[in-house]
Amino acid sequence: MGKTYVIWWHSKFVDEINRDSPSIAAIVEKTQKTLMYLQELQELEAQGKITMKLKGSLNPMYLQVIDPAVESVLANNPLVEVLDS
């Protein structure tokens, strides 16, 4: 059984923002954290190790693994959800 790697448009970091007393600083911090992990994926894409796999919708975004050596990197990225196919 293979694995499917997906990214949902929501971010678990954004979900960490305190809804009772939100602040712009908290939003910036959590957004920067999200971008940091997205940039790691962007680098893998630029290196030709992954690509986006179109499934008719961008939510979730499916990732296609071109270089199997990066599967552990994807599994350790907190934005990526690993599904058993």
PDB file of N, CA and C in Angstrom:
ATOM      1  N   MET A   1       0.837  -1.177   0.000  1.00  0.00           N
ATOM      2  CA  MET A   1       0.000   0.000   0.000  1.00  0.00           C
ATOM      3  C   MET A   1       0.885   1.244   0.000  1.00  0.00           C
ATOM      4  N   GLY A   2       0.628   2.186  -0.913  1.00  0.00           N
ATOM      5  CA  GLY A   2       1.415   3.403  -0.989  1.00  0.00           C
ATOM      6  C   GLY A   2       0.902   4.472  -0.049  1.00  0.00           C
ATOM      7  N   LYS A   3       1.577   5.587  -0.071  1.00  0.00           N
ATOM      8  CA  LYS A   3       1.184   6.710   0.777  1.00  0.00           C
ATOM      9  C   LYS A   3       0.794   7.890  -0.107  1.00  0.00           C
ATOM     10  N   THR A   4      -0.144   8.668   0.365  1.00  0.00           N
ATOM     11  CA  THR A   4      -0.575   9.885  -0.302  1.00  0.00           C
ATOM     12  C   THR A   4      -0.230  11.046   0.614  1.00  0.00           C
ATOM     13  N   TYR A   5       0.364  12.077   0.053  1.00  0.00           N
ATOM     14  CA  TYR A   5       0.776  13.251   0.829  1.00  0.00           C
ATOM     15  C   TYR A   5      -0.103  14.425   0.423  1.00  0.00           C
ATOM     16  N   VAL A   6      -0.748  15.049   1.415  1.00  0.00           N
ATOM     17  CA  VAL A   6      -1.646  16.167   1.127  1.00  0.00           C
ATOM     18  C   VAL A   6      -1.371  17.335   2.066  1.00  0.00           C
ATOM     19  N   ILE A   7      -1.709  18.520   1.579  1.00  0.00           N
ATOM     20  CA  ILE A   7      -1.666  19.734   2.397  1.00  0.00           C
ATOM     21  C   ILE A   7      -3.062  20.338   2.315  1.00  0.00           C
ATOM     22  N   TRP A   8      -3.675  20.578   3.460  1.00  0.00           N
ATOM     23  CA  TRP A   8      -4.966  21.259   3.508  1.00  0.00           C
ATOM     24  C   TRP A   8      -4.706  22.756   3.564  1.00  0.00           C
ATOM     25  N   TRP A   9      -5.644  23.554   3.078  1.00  0.00           N
ATOM     26  CA  TRP A   9      -5.462  25.000   3.058  1.00  0.00           C
ATOM     27  C   TRP A   9      -5.447  25.601   4.447  1.00  0.00           C
ATOM     28  N   HIS A  10      -6.031  24.934   5.407  1.00  0.00           N
ATOM     29  CA  HIS A  10      -5.935  25.451   6.771  1.00  0.00           C
ATOM     30  C   HIS A  10      -4.570  25.074   7.319  1.00  0.00           C
ATOM     31  N   SER A  11      -4.159  25.736   8.332  1.00  0.00           N
ATOM     32  CA  SER A  11      -2.866  25.445   8.951  1.00  0.00           C
ATOM     33  C   SER A  11      -3.066  25.158  10.419  1.00  0.00           C
ATOM     34  N   LYS A  12      -2.413  24.118  10.905  1.00  0.00           N
ATOM     35  CA  LYS A  12      -2.525  23.834  12.329  1.00  0.00           C
ATOM     36  C   LYS A  12      -1.907  24.947  13.159  1.00  0.00           C
ATOM     37  N   PHE A  13      -1.002  25.720  12.573  1.00  0.00           N
ATOM     38  CA  PHE A  13      -0.408  26.832  13.314  1.00  0.00           C
ATOM     39  C   PHE A  13      -1.413  27.974  13.468  1.00  0.00           C
ATOM     40  N   VAL A  14      -2.177  28.253  12.420  1.00  0.00           N
ATOM     41  CA  VAL A  14      -3.194  29.294  12.507  1.00  0.00           C
ATOM     42  C   VAL A  14      -4.250  28.884  13.533  1.00  0.00           C
ATOM     43  N   ASP A  15      -4.547  27.600  13.600  1.00  0.00           N
ATOM     44  CA  ASP A  15      -5.515  27.110  14.579  1.00  0.00           C
ATOM     45  C   ASP A  15      -5.037  27.313  16.011  1.00  0.00           C
ATOM     46  N   GLU A  16      -3.742  27.531  16.206  1.00  0.00           N
ATOM     47  CA  GLU A  16      -3.193  27.739  17.548  1.00  0.00           C
ATOM     48  C   GLU A  16      -3.414  29.161  18.069  1.00  0.00           C
ATOM     49  N   ILE A  17      -3.856  30.079  17.215  1.00  0.00           N
ATOM     50  CA  ILE A  17      -4.054  31.466  17.648  1.00  0.00           C
ATOM     51  C   ILE A  17      -5.199  31.515  18.656  1.00  0.00           C
ATOM     52  N   ASN A  18      -4.968  32.174  19.755  1.00  0.00           N
ATOM     53  CA  ASN A  18      -5.962  32.302  20.813  1.00  0.00           C
ATOM     54  C   ASN A  18      -7.139  33.132  20.301  1.00  0.00           C
ATOM     55  N   ARG A  19      -8.285  32.508  20.173  1.00  0.00           N
ATOM     56  CA  ARG A  19      -9.468  33.188  19.638  1.00  0.00           C
ATOM     57  C   ARG A  19     -10.066  34.183  20.643  1.00  0.00           C
ATOM     58  N   ASP A  20      -9.767  34.007  21.928  1.00  0.00           N
ATOM     59  CA  ASP A  20     -10.318  34.905  22.943  1.00  0.00           C
ATOM     60  C   ASP A  20      -9.599  36.246  22.973  1.00  0.00           C
ATOM     61  N   SER A  21      -8.324  36.236  22.664  1.00  0.00           N
ATOM     62  CA  SER A  21      -7.566  37.495  22.661  1.00  0.00           C
ATOM     63  C   SER A  21      -6.530  37.468  21.543  1.00  0.00           C
ATOM     64  N   PRO A  22      -7.014  37.473  20.283  1.00  0.00           N
ATOM     65  CA  PRO A  22      -6.073  37.434  19.164  1.00  0.00           C
ATOM     66  C   PRO A  22      -5.276  38.731  19.073  1.00  0.00           C
ATOM     67  N   SER A  23      -4.094  38.618  18.515  1.00  0.00           N
ATOM     68  CA  SER A  23      -3.286  39.815  18.293  1.00  0.00           C
ATOM     69  C   SER A  23      -2.655  39.720  16.913  1.00  0.00           C
ATOM     70  N   ILE A  24      -2.331  40.853  16.372  1.00  0.00           N
ATOM     71  CA  ILE A  24      -1.654  40.869  15.072  1.00  0.00           C
ATOM     72  C   ILE A  24      -0.317  40.155  15.188  1.00  0.00           C
ATOM     73  N   ALA A  25       0.368  40.333  16.311  1.00  0.00           N
ATOM     74  CA  ALA A  25       1.658  39.666  16.518  1.00  0.00           C
ATOM     75  C   ALA A  25       1.502  38.150  16.454  1.00  0.00           C
ATOM     76  N   ALA A  26       0.452  37.613  17.053  1.00  0.00           N
ATOM     77  CA  ALA A  26       0.227  36.163  17.026  1.00  0.00           C
ATOM     78  C   ALA A  26      -0.071  35.689  15.611  1.00  0.00           C
ATOM     79  N   ILE A  27      -0.860  36.465  14.883  1.00  0.00           N
ATOM     80  CA  ILE A  27      -1.179  36.103  13.503  1.00  0.00           C
ATOM     81  C   ILE A  27       0.080  36.107  12.650  1.00  0.00           C
ATOM     82  N   VAL A  28       0.912  37.121  12.796  1.00  0.00           N
ATOM     83  CA  VAL A  28       2.167  37.199  12.040  1.00  0.00           C
ATOM     84  C   VAL A  28       3.067  36.023  12.394  1.00  0.00           C
ATOM     85  N   GLU A  29       3.202  35.725  13.678  1.00  0.00           N
ATOM     86  CA  GLU A  29       4.069  34.623  14.113  1.00  0.00           C
ATOM     87  C   GLU A  29       3.610  33.292  13.526  1.00  0.00           C
ATOM     88  N   LYS A  30       2.327  33.002  13.605  1.00  0.00           N
ATOM     89  CA  LYS A  30       1.810  31.722  13.114  1.00  0.00           C
ATOM     90  C   LYS A  30       1.865  31.657  11.590  1.00  0.00           C
ATOM     91  N   THR A  31       1.615  32.784  10.917  1.00  0.00           N
ATOM     92  CA  THR A  31       1.698  32.804   9.464  1.00  0.00           C
ATOM     93  C   THR A  31       3.133  32.594   9.004  1.00  0.00           C
ATOM     94  N   GLN A  32       4.090  33.214   9.686  1.00  0.00           N
ATOM     95  CA  GLN A  32       5.500  33.024   9.335  1.00  0.00           C
ATOM     96  C   GLN A  32       5.913  31.569   9.527  1.00  0.00           C
ATOM     97  N   LYS A  33       5.408  30.953  10.572  1.00  0.00           N
ATOM     98  CA  LYS A  33       5.714  29.542  10.826  1.00  0.00           C
ATOM     99  C   LYS A  33       5.174  28.679   9.680  1.00  0.00           C
ATOM    100  N   THR A  34       3.951  28.978   9.236  1.00  0.00           N
ATOM    101  CA  THR A  34       3.362  28.250   8.118  1.00  0.00           C
ATOM    102  C   THR A  34       4.195  28.441   6.857  1.00  0.00           C
ATOM    103  N   LEU A  35       4.587  29.684   6.577  1.00  0.00           N
ATOM    104  CA  LEU A  35       5.378  29.966   5.378  1.00  0.00           C
ATOM    105  C   LEU A  35       6.723  29.260   5.408  1.00  0.00           C
ATOM    106  N   MET A  36       7.325  29.147   6.570  1.00  0.00           N
ATOM    107  CA  MET A  36       8.612  28.467   6.691  1.00  0.00           C
ATOM    108  C   MET A  36       8.496  27.019   6.190  1.00  0.00           C
ATOM    109  N   TYR A  37       7.440  26.329   6.618  1.00  0.00           N
ATOM    110  CA  TYR A  37       7.260  24.940   6.194  1.00  0.00           C
ATOM    111  C   TYR A  37       6.826  24.839   4.737  1.00  0.00           C
ATOM    112  N   LEU A  38       6.061  25.813   4.248  1.00  0.00           N
ATOM    113  CA  LEU A  38       5.711  25.832   2.829  1.00  0.00           C
ATOM    114  C   LEU A  38       6.951  26.069   1.972  1.00  0.00           C
ATOM    115  N   GLN A  39       7.863  26.916   2.446  1.00  0.00           N
ATOM    116  CA  GLN A  39       9.092  27.182   1.694  1.00  0.00           C
ATOM    117  C   GLN A  39       9.969  25.938   1.611  1.00  0.00           C
ATOM    118  N   GLU A  40       9.952  25.102   2.632  1.00  0.00           N
ATOM    119  CA  GLU A  40      10.684  23.832   2.555  1.00  0.00           C
ATOM    120  C   GLU A  40      10.127  22.982   1.417  1.00  0.00           C
ATOM    121  N   LEU A  41       8.809  22.959   1.288  1.00  0.00           N
ATOM    122  CA  LEU A  41       8.182  22.206   0.201  1.00  0.00           C
ATOM    123  C   LEU A  41       8.471  22.860  -1.146  1.00  0.00           C
ATOM    124  N   GLN A  42       8.498  24.174  -1.172  1.00  0.00           N
ATOM    125  CA  GLN A  42       8.817  24.904  -2.398  1.00  0.00           C
ATOM    126  C   GLN A  42      10.221  24.548  -2.881  1.00  0.00           C
ATOM    127  N   GLU A  43      11.157  24.427  -1.957  1.00  0.00           N
ATOM    128  CA  GLU A  43      12.529  24.055  -2.319  1.00  0.00           C
ATOM    129  C   GLU A  43      12.573  22.651  -2.913  1.00  0.00           C
ATOM    130  N   LEU A  44      11.829  21.719  -2.321  1.00  0.00           N
ATOM    131  CA  LEU A  44      11.785  20.358  -2.864  1.00  0.00           C
ATOM    132  C   LEU A  44      11.190  20.352  -4.267  1.00  0.00           C
ATOM    133  N   GLU A  45      10.175  21.187  -4.475  1.00  0.00           N
ATOM    134  CA  GLU A  45       9.563  21.293  -5.798  1.00  0.00           C
ATOM    135  C   GLU A  45      10.558  21.880  -6.803  1.00  0.00           C
ATOM    136  N   ALA A  46      11.281  22.918  -6.408  1.00  0.00           N
ATOM    137  CA  ALA A  46      12.270  23.551  -7.289  1.00  0.00           C
ATOM    138  C   ALA A  46      13.402  22.588  -7.644  1.00  0.00           C
ATOM    139  N   GLN A  47      13.706  21.673  -6.730  1.00  0.00           N
ATOM    140  CA  GLN A  47      14.757  20.678  -6.965  1.00  0.00           C
ATOM    141  C   GLN A  47      14.248  19.491  -7.781  1.00  0.00           C
ATOM    142  N   GLY A  48      12.959  19.501  -8.120  1.00  0.00           N
ATOM    143  CA  GLY A  48      12.385  18.420  -8.915  1.00  0.00           C
ATOM    144  C   GLY A  48      12.120  17.154  -8.120  1.00  0.00           C
ATOM    145  N   LYS A  49      12.022  17.266  -6.806  1.00  0.00           N
ATOM    146  CA  LYS A  49      11.827  16.082  -5.960  1.00  0.00           C
ATOM    147  C   LYS A  49      10.357  15.798  -5.664  1.00  0.00           C
ATOM    148  N   ILE A  50       9.514  16.834  -5.740  1.00  0.00           N
ATOM    149  CA  ILE A  50       8.071  16.683  -5.598  1.00  0.00           C
ATOM    150  C   ILE A  50       7.398  17.605  -6.596  1.00  0.00           C
ATOM    151  N   THR A  51       6.135  17.352  -6.829  1.00  0.00           N
ATOM    152  CA  THR A  51       5.321  18.239  -7.645  1.00  0.00           C
ATOM    153  C   THR A  51       3.895  18.175  -7.123  1.00  0.00           C
ATOM    154  N   MET A  52       3.093  19.165  -7.477  1.00  0.00           N
ATOM    155  CA  MET A  52       1.679  19.110  -7.114  1.00  0.00           C
ATOM    156  C   MET A  52       0.964  18.216  -8.104  1.00  0.00           C
ATOM    157  N   LYS A  53       0.066  17.417  -7.592  1.00  0.00           N
ATOM    158  CA  LYS A  53      -0.710  16.493  -8.411  1.00  0.00           C
ATOM    159  C   LYS A  53      -2.142  17.018  -8.444  1.00  0.00           C
ATOM    160  N   LEU A  54      -2.604  17.404  -9.606  1.00  0.00           N
ATOM    161  CA  LEU A  54      -3.933  17.988  -9.731  1.00  0.00           C
ATOM    162  C   LEU A  54      -5.006  16.918  -9.599  1.00  0.00           C
ATOM    163  N   LYS A  55      -6.001  17.220  -8.769  1.00  0.00           N
ATOM    164  CA  LYS A  55      -7.118  16.295  -8.540  1.00  0.00           C
ATOM    165  C   LYS A  55      -8.451  17.005  -8.727  1.00  0.00           C
ATOM    166  N   GLY A  56      -8.453  18.144  -9.432  1.00  0.00           N
ATOM    167  CA  GLY A  56      -9.681  18.876  -9.671  1.00  0.00           C
ATOM    168  C   GLY A  56      -9.980  19.937  -8.632  1.00  0.00           C
ATOM    169  N   SER A  57      -9.261  19.926  -7.539  1.00  0.00           N
ATOM    170  CA  SER A  57      -9.462  20.905  -6.478  1.00  0.00           C
ATOM    171  C   SER A  57      -8.114  21.188  -5.834  1.00  0.00           C
ATOM    172  N   LEU A  58      -7.972  22.362  -5.272  1.00  0.00           N
ATOM    173  CA  LEU A  58      -6.727  22.678  -4.563  1.00  0.00           C
ATOM    174  C   LEU A  58      -6.866  22.484  -3.058  1.00  0.00           C
ATOM    175  N   ASN A  59      -7.971  21.892  -2.641  1.00  0.00           N
ATOM    176  CA  ASN A  59      -8.152  21.636  -1.217  1.00  0.00           C
ATOM    177  C   ASN A  59      -8.660  20.219  -1.026  1.00  0.00           C
ATOM    178  N   PRO A  60      -7.810  19.287  -0.669  1.00  0.00           N
ATOM    179  CA  PRO A  60      -6.409  19.490  -0.318  1.00  0.00           C
ATOM    180  C   PRO A  60      -5.528  19.533  -1.561  1.00  0.00           C
ATOM    181  N   MET A  61      -4.303  19.985  -1.366  1.00  0.00           N
ATOM    182  CA  MET A  61      -3.289  19.934  -2.417  1.00  0.00           C
ATOM    183  C   MET A  61      -2.588  18.585  -2.278  1.00  0.00           C
ATOM    184  N   TYR A  62      -2.539  17.837  -3.349  1.00  0.00           N
ATOM    185  CA  TYR A  62      -1.867  16.541  -3.346  1.00  0.00           C
ATOM    186  C   TYR A  62      -0.438  16.723  -3.827  1.00  0.00           C
ATOM    187  N   LEU A  63       0.481  16.073  -3.163  1.00  0.00           N
ATOM    188  CA  LEU A  63       1.884  16.128  -3.555  1.00  0.00           C
ATOM    189  C   LEU A  63       2.275  14.806  -4.190  1.00  0.00           C
ATOM    190  N   GLN A  64       2.956  14.885  -5.309  1.00  0.00           N
ATOM    191  CA  GLN A  64       3.470  13.697  -5.973  1.00  0.00           C
ATOM    192  C   GLN A  64       4.958  13.612  -5.684  1.00  0.00           C
ATOM    193  N   VAL A  65       5.387  12.474  -5.175  1.00  0.00           N
ATOM    194  CA  VAL A  65       6.793  12.266  -4.845  1.00  0.00           C
ATOM    195  C   VAL A  65       7.512  11.772  -6.092  1.00  0.00           C
ATOM    196  N   ILE A  66       8.521  12.515  -6.514  1.00  0.00           N
ATOM    197  CA  ILE A  66       9.340  12.122  -7.653  1.00  0.00           C
ATOM    198  C   ILE A  66      10.590  11.405  -7.157  1.00  0.00           C
ATOM    199  N   ASP A  67      11.163  11.898  -6.067  1.00  0.00           N
ATOM    200  CA  ASP A  67      12.356  11.300  -5.459  1.00  0.00           C
ATOM    201  C   ASP A  67      11.953  10.673  -4.123  1.00  0.00           C
ATOM    202  N   PRO A  68      11.878   9.342  -4.049  1.00  0.00           N
ATOM    203  CA  PRO A  68      11.451   8.675  -2.820  1.00  0.00           C
ATOM    204  C   PRO A  68      12.313   9.011  -1.601  1.00  0.00           C
ATOM    205  N   ALA A  69      13.495   9.531  -1.813  1.00  0.00           N
ATOM    206  CA  ALA A  69      14.376   9.882  -0.693  1.00  0.00           C
ATOM    207  C   ALA A  69      13.792  11.012   0.156  1.00  0.00           C
ATOM    208  N   VAL A  70      12.824  11.765  -0.375  1.00  0.00           N
ATOM    209  CA  VAL A  70      12.259  12.889   0.384  1.00  0.00           C
ATOM    210  C   VAL A  70      10.994  12.517   1.156  1.00  0.00           C
ATOM    211  N   GLU A  71      10.589  11.261   1.108  1.00  0.00           N
ATOM    212  CA  GLU A  71       9.356  10.871   1.803  1.00  0.00           C
ATOM    213  C   GLU A  71       9.434  11.133   3.301  1.00  0.00           C
ATOM    214  N   SER A  72      10.585  10.924   3.901  1.00  0.00           N
ATOM    215  CA  SER A  72      10.711  11.191   5.342  1.00  0.00           C
ATOM    216  C   SER A  72      10.646  12.692   5.623  1.00  0.00           C
ATOM    217  N   VAL A  73      11.149  13.503   4.694  1.00  0.00           N
ATOM    218  CA  VAL A  73      11.069  14.961   4.847  1.00  0.00           C
ATOM    219  C   VAL A  73       9.599  15.388   4.821  1.00  0.00           C
ATOM    220  N   LEU A  74       8.834  14.830   3.898  1.00  0.00           N
ATOM    221  CA  LEU A  74       7.409  15.148   3.819  1.00  0.00           C
ATOM    222  C   LEU A  74       6.677  14.691   5.078  1.00  0.00           C
ATOM    223  N   ALA A  75       6.990  13.490   5.531  1.00  0.00           N
ATOM    224  CA  ALA A  75       6.325  12.945   6.717  1.00  0.00           C
ATOM    225  C   ALA A  75       6.613  13.774   7.962  1.00  0.00           C
ATOM    226  N   ASN A  76       7.756  14.441   7.993  1.00  0.00           N
ATOM    227  CA  ASN A  76       8.131  15.250   9.155  1.00  0.00           C
ATOM    228  C   ASN A  76       7.714  16.712   9.038  1.00  0.00           C
ATOM    229  N   ASN A  77       7.148  17.097   7.906  1.00  0.00           N
ATOM    230  CA  ASN A  77       6.681  18.470   7.728  1.00  0.00           C
ATOM    231  C   ASN A  77       5.288  18.568   8.354  1.00  0.00           C
ATOM    232  N   PRO A  78       5.105  19.430   9.354  1.00  0.00           N
ATOM    233  CA  PRO A  78       3.826  19.479  10.060  1.00  0.00           C
ATOM    234  C   PRO A  78       2.634  19.940   9.217  1.00  0.00           C
ATOM    235  N   LEU A  79       2.873  20.502   8.044  1.00  0.00           N
ATOM    236  CA  LEU A  79       1.766  20.905   7.181  1.00  0.00           C
ATOM    237  C   LEU A  79       1.258  19.753   6.325  1.00  0.00           C
ATOM    238  N   VAL A  80       2.075  18.715   6.185  1.00  0.00           N
ATOM    239  CA  VAL A  80       1.754  17.602   5.302  1.00  0.00           C
ATOM    240  C   VAL A  80       1.063  16.498   6.098  1.00  0.00           C
ATOM    241  N   GLU A  81      -0.049  16.045   5.565  1.00  0.00           N
ATOM    242  CA  GLU A  81      -0.748  14.906   6.156  1.00  0.00           C
ATOM    243  C   GLU A  81      -0.445  13.688   5.292  1.00  0.00           C
ATOM    244  N   VAL A  82      -0.072  12.598   5.928  1.00  0.00           N
ATOM    245  CA  VAL A  82       0.253  11.368   5.215  1.00  0.00           C
ATOM    246  C   VAL A  82      -0.944  10.426   5.332  1.00  0.00           C
ATOM    247  N   LEU A  83      -1.478  10.042   4.190  1.00  0.00           N
ATOM    248  CA  LEU A  83      -2.619   9.127   4.150  1.00  0.00           C
ATOM    249  C   LEU A  83      -2.171   7.809   3.549  1.00  0.00           C
ATOM    250  N   ASP A  84      -2.658   6.715   4.075  1.00  0.00           N
ATOM    251  CA  ASP A  84      -2.395   5.422   3.450  1.00  0.00           C
ATOM    252  C   ASP A  84      -3.327   5.283   2.259  1.00  0.00           C
ATOM    253  N   SER A  85      -2.759   4.924   1.115  1.00  0.00           N
ATOM    254  CA  SER A  85      -3.568   4.791  -0.110  1.00  0.00           C
ATOM    255  C   SER A  85      -4.260   3.449  -0.143  1.00  0.00           C
TER     256      SER A  85
END
